Protein backbone atom coordinates (compact mmCIF):
# COMPACT_ATOMS: atom_id res chain seq x y z
CA MET A 1 -0.05 -3.91 13.53
CA LYS A 2 3.29 -2.17 13.73
CA ILE A 3 4.83 -2.48 10.24
CA THR A 4 8.05 -1.39 8.54
CA VAL A 5 7.83 -0.84 4.78
CA ILE A 6 11.11 -0.91 2.83
CA GLY A 7 10.67 0.97 -0.47
CA THR A 8 9.34 4.33 -1.49
CA GLY A 9 8.32 3.55 -5.07
CA ASN A 10 4.81 2.89 -6.34
CA MET A 11 4.26 -0.25 -4.25
CA GLY A 12 5.74 1.23 -1.05
CA SER A 13 3.60 4.33 -1.52
CA ALA A 14 0.47 2.23 -2.12
CA PHE A 15 1.14 0.29 1.07
CA ALA A 16 1.61 3.53 3.01
CA LYS A 17 -1.79 4.74 1.82
CA GLN A 18 -3.69 1.57 2.52
CA LEU A 19 -2.00 0.61 5.78
CA ASP A 20 -2.58 4.14 7.09
CA ALA A 21 -6.28 3.93 6.14
CA ALA A 22 -6.59 0.62 7.98
CA GLY A 23 -5.09 2.12 11.15
CA HIS A 24 -1.75 0.30 11.19
CA THR A 25 1.38 2.06 12.50
CA VAL A 26 3.92 2.30 9.70
CA ARG A 27 7.61 3.09 9.54
CA ILE A 28 8.81 3.60 5.97
CA THR A 29 12.38 3.70 4.66
CA GLY A 30 14.24 3.74 1.41
CA ARG A 31 17.50 4.82 -0.22
CA ASP A 32 16.50 8.49 0.03
CA LEU A 33 15.20 9.73 3.41
CA GLU A 34 13.66 12.81 1.82
CA LYS A 35 11.68 10.63 -0.55
CA ALA A 36 10.53 8.55 2.36
CA LYS A 37 9.45 11.69 4.19
CA SER A 38 7.44 12.85 1.13
CA VAL A 39 5.68 9.48 0.95
CA ALA A 40 4.90 9.57 4.65
CA ALA A 41 3.82 13.19 4.83
CA PRO A 42 0.10 12.83 3.77
CA PHE A 43 -0.60 10.09 6.35
CA THR A 44 -1.24 10.27 10.06
CA ASN A 45 0.07 6.80 10.89
CA VAL A 46 3.17 6.73 8.65
CA SER A 47 6.66 8.05 9.64
CA ALA A 48 9.93 8.03 7.68
CA TYR A 49 13.19 6.71 9.02
CA ASN A 50 16.76 5.94 8.00
CA ALA A 51 17.23 2.20 7.44
CA ALA A 52 19.21 1.72 10.64
CA GLU A 53 16.28 3.14 12.68
CA ALA A 54 13.40 1.88 10.58
CA LEU A 55 12.78 -1.46 12.27
CA GLY A 56 11.99 -0.14 15.76
CA ASP A 57 9.32 -2.24 17.42
CA SER A 58 7.69 -3.34 14.18
CA GLU A 59 6.41 -6.92 14.18
CA VAL A 60 6.15 -7.08 10.38
CA VAL A 61 8.45 -5.96 7.56
CA ILE A 62 7.15 -5.52 4.01
CA VAL A 63 9.93 -5.57 1.39
CA ALA A 64 8.71 -3.44 -1.49
CA THR A 65 12.03 -3.02 -3.31
CA ALA A 66 13.08 -4.54 -6.57
CA PHE A 67 14.14 -8.15 -6.01
CA PRO A 68 17.87 -7.58 -6.59
CA ASP A 69 17.86 -4.96 -3.79
CA ALA A 70 15.71 -6.91 -1.33
CA ALA A 71 18.26 -8.92 0.65
CA ALA A 72 20.61 -5.99 1.27
CA ALA A 73 17.66 -3.72 2.14
CA LEU A 74 16.38 -6.24 4.72
CA GLN A 75 19.84 -6.75 6.19
CA SER A 76 20.27 -2.97 6.57
CA LEU A 77 17.42 -2.95 9.14
CA GLY A 78 19.46 -5.00 11.65
CA ASP A 79 18.40 -8.16 13.50
CA LEU A 80 15.24 -9.59 11.97
CA THR A 81 15.13 -12.70 14.17
CA GLY A 82 11.50 -13.62 14.75
CA LYS A 83 10.14 -10.89 12.51
CA VAL A 84 7.56 -11.63 9.80
CA VAL A 85 8.91 -10.54 6.45
CA ILE A 86 6.31 -10.14 3.71
CA ASP A 87 8.01 -10.52 0.32
CA ILE A 88 6.07 -8.86 -2.46
CA THR A 89 8.93 -8.92 -4.99
CA ASN A 90 9.11 -10.59 -8.42
CA PRO A 91 12.43 -11.51 -10.10
CA LEU A 92 11.78 -9.58 -13.31
CA SER A 93 14.00 -8.93 -16.30
CA ALA A 94 14.81 -5.34 -17.28
CA ASP A 95 11.84 -5.20 -19.70
CA TYR A 96 9.49 -6.86 -17.14
CA MET A 97 8.52 -9.50 -19.69
CA SER A 98 10.29 -12.49 -18.15
CA LEU A 99 11.60 -13.88 -14.84
CA THR A 100 15.28 -14.04 -14.04
CA ILE A 101 15.00 -17.12 -11.78
CA GLY A 102 12.45 -19.90 -11.37
CA HIS A 103 11.69 -23.63 -11.46
CA VAL A 104 14.28 -24.61 -8.80
CA THR A 105 14.06 -21.51 -6.61
CA SER A 106 12.15 -18.25 -6.23
CA ALA A 107 12.70 -14.72 -5.09
CA ALA A 108 10.98 -15.60 -1.82
CA GLU A 109 13.23 -18.58 -1.14
CA GLU A 110 16.36 -16.56 -1.95
CA ILE A 111 15.26 -13.82 0.42
CA ALA A 112 14.58 -16.38 3.11
CA LYS A 113 18.15 -17.61 2.76
CA ALA A 114 19.44 -14.09 3.14
CA VAL A 115 17.54 -13.43 6.42
CA PRO A 116 17.47 -16.90 8.04
CA GLY A 117 16.20 -15.64 11.40
CA ALA A 118 13.07 -14.12 9.87
CA GLN A 119 9.80 -15.80 8.96
CA VAL A 120 9.31 -15.08 5.29
CA VAL A 121 5.88 -15.11 3.61
CA LYS A 122 5.10 -14.48 -0.01
CA ALA A 123 2.08 -12.22 -0.51
CA PHE A 124 0.76 -9.28 -2.57
CA ASN A 125 3.17 -9.99 -5.45
CA THR A 126 0.37 -10.52 -8.01
CA LEU A 127 -1.00 -7.01 -7.56
CA PHE A 128 -0.10 -3.95 -9.57
CA ALA A 129 0.70 -0.85 -7.53
CA GLN A 130 -2.32 0.93 -8.93
CA VAL A 131 -4.57 -1.93 -7.87
CA LEU A 132 -3.06 -1.97 -4.34
CA ALA A 133 -3.45 1.81 -4.02
CA ASP A 134 -7.02 1.75 -5.25
CA GLY A 135 -8.11 -1.05 -2.90
CA PRO A 136 -9.64 -4.49 -3.27
CA LEU A 137 -12.92 -3.76 -5.11
CA PHE A 138 -13.15 -4.26 -8.85
CA ALA A 139 -15.94 -3.92 -11.43
CA ASP A 140 -19.32 -5.49 -10.63
CA ASN A 141 -18.41 -5.58 -6.92
CA GLN A 142 -15.75 -8.22 -7.41
CA ARG A 143 -13.18 -8.40 -4.61
CA GLY A 144 -9.53 -9.11 -5.31
CA SER A 145 -7.40 -11.86 -3.80
CA VAL A 146 -4.01 -11.98 -2.11
CA PHE A 147 -2.19 -15.31 -2.41
CA VAL A 148 -0.19 -16.20 0.72
CA ALA A 149 2.64 -18.80 0.83
CA SER A 150 4.96 -19.58 3.80
CA ASP A 151 6.54 -22.38 5.73
CA SER A 152 5.68 -20.48 8.93
CA GLU A 153 2.07 -20.71 10.03
CA ARG A 154 2.52 -17.59 12.13
CA ALA A 155 3.85 -15.65 9.17
CA LYS A 156 1.06 -16.92 6.94
CA GLN A 157 -1.64 -15.97 9.42
CA THR A 158 -0.04 -12.54 9.98
CA ALA A 159 -0.09 -11.87 6.22
CA VAL A 160 -3.67 -13.13 5.97
CA SER A 161 -4.79 -10.88 8.79
CA LEU A 162 -2.99 -7.91 7.26
CA ALA A 163 -4.49 -8.51 3.77
CA ARG A 164 -8.01 -8.91 5.25
CA SER A 165 -7.60 -5.71 7.26
CA LEU A 166 -7.12 -3.97 3.92
CA GLY A 167 -10.27 -5.59 2.54
CA TRP A 168 -8.75 -8.37 0.35
CA ASN A 169 -9.85 -11.91 0.08
CA THR A 170 -6.99 -14.35 0.75
CA VAL A 171 -5.94 -17.69 -0.71
CA ASP A 172 -3.74 -20.08 1.25
CA ALA A 173 -1.03 -20.94 -1.32
CA GLY A 174 0.81 -23.49 0.79
CA GLY A 175 4.53 -23.51 1.58
CA LEU A 176 7.14 -20.98 0.51
CA VAL A 177 8.15 -23.27 -2.31
CA ASN A 178 4.92 -22.34 -4.05
CA ALA A 179 6.33 -18.87 -4.62
CA ARG A 180 7.74 -20.65 -7.67
CA TYR A 181 4.17 -20.62 -8.96
CA LEU A 182 3.10 -17.24 -7.65
CA GLU A 183 5.98 -15.34 -9.28
CA PRO A 184 5.25 -16.64 -12.79
CA LEU A 185 1.55 -15.85 -12.14
CA ALA A 186 2.59 -12.29 -11.43
CA GLY A 187 4.72 -12.31 -14.57
CA PHE A 188 1.72 -13.38 -16.62
CA ASN A 189 -0.37 -10.60 -15.04
CA ILE A 190 2.33 -8.08 -15.96
CA TYR A 191 2.31 -9.39 -19.52
CA LEU A 192 -1.47 -8.97 -19.66
CA GLY A 193 -1.24 -5.45 -18.27
CA TYR A 194 1.64 -4.19 -20.40
CA GLY A 195 2.44 -6.68 -23.15
CA ALA A 196 -1.18 -7.29 -24.10
CA GLY A 197 -2.20 -3.68 -23.35
CA LEU A 198 -4.99 -4.48 -20.88
CA GLY A 199 -3.77 -1.87 -18.39
CA THR A 200 -2.92 -2.09 -14.69
CA SER A 201 -6.42 -2.34 -13.20
CA LEU A 202 -6.52 -6.10 -13.30
CA ALA A 203 -5.44 -8.92 -10.99
CA PRO A 204 -5.70 -12.71 -10.81
CA VAL A 205 -8.23 -14.34 -8.53
CA TRP A 206 -9.14 -17.96 -7.65
CA LEU A 207 -12.78 -18.86 -7.93
CA ASN A 208 -14.66 -21.75 -6.32
CA LYS A 209 -18.32 -22.89 -6.43
């Protein structure tokens, strides 16, 4: 796939690493072009761009900013009509121990309102950056899961294909409204990692018999 990643922090860098390894063509952008260039430099298939030039012919946009910055960052790319936007954000408080919105809306739904021409899909938000960077395999040959929620079947299948190309199992999490469940799930995972001191090498999965 041709993919634009917005964000040069830990999650954006992890996506650059894994998308490059899977052979996708990646354009990465952020507030600081030099930082974007440093993230892209180690990878054959990743190039850095200013926001106005970062969309190019990408079919997919991954928004890997903090939630408060996501809408403006997406809008800075230009016309997103028909693009699949993968929202990995969580609406976290300053100390990461609670959510700033929930119950009646979600980060994903608010982002969808901000870019109405795009097809928004919630995915990858339950993964720590370290987990994403290290890949989908855990102890005892367990494989991690990516939960995928969208009102667009095309966006959902795009995110599923992308996650599977990186080696992840996927779980169909229904419509975008179910981001209201996935974001608290991520919040609980963050609590376990930091609040309970279990570290950042863990992730939620869904098991069936």
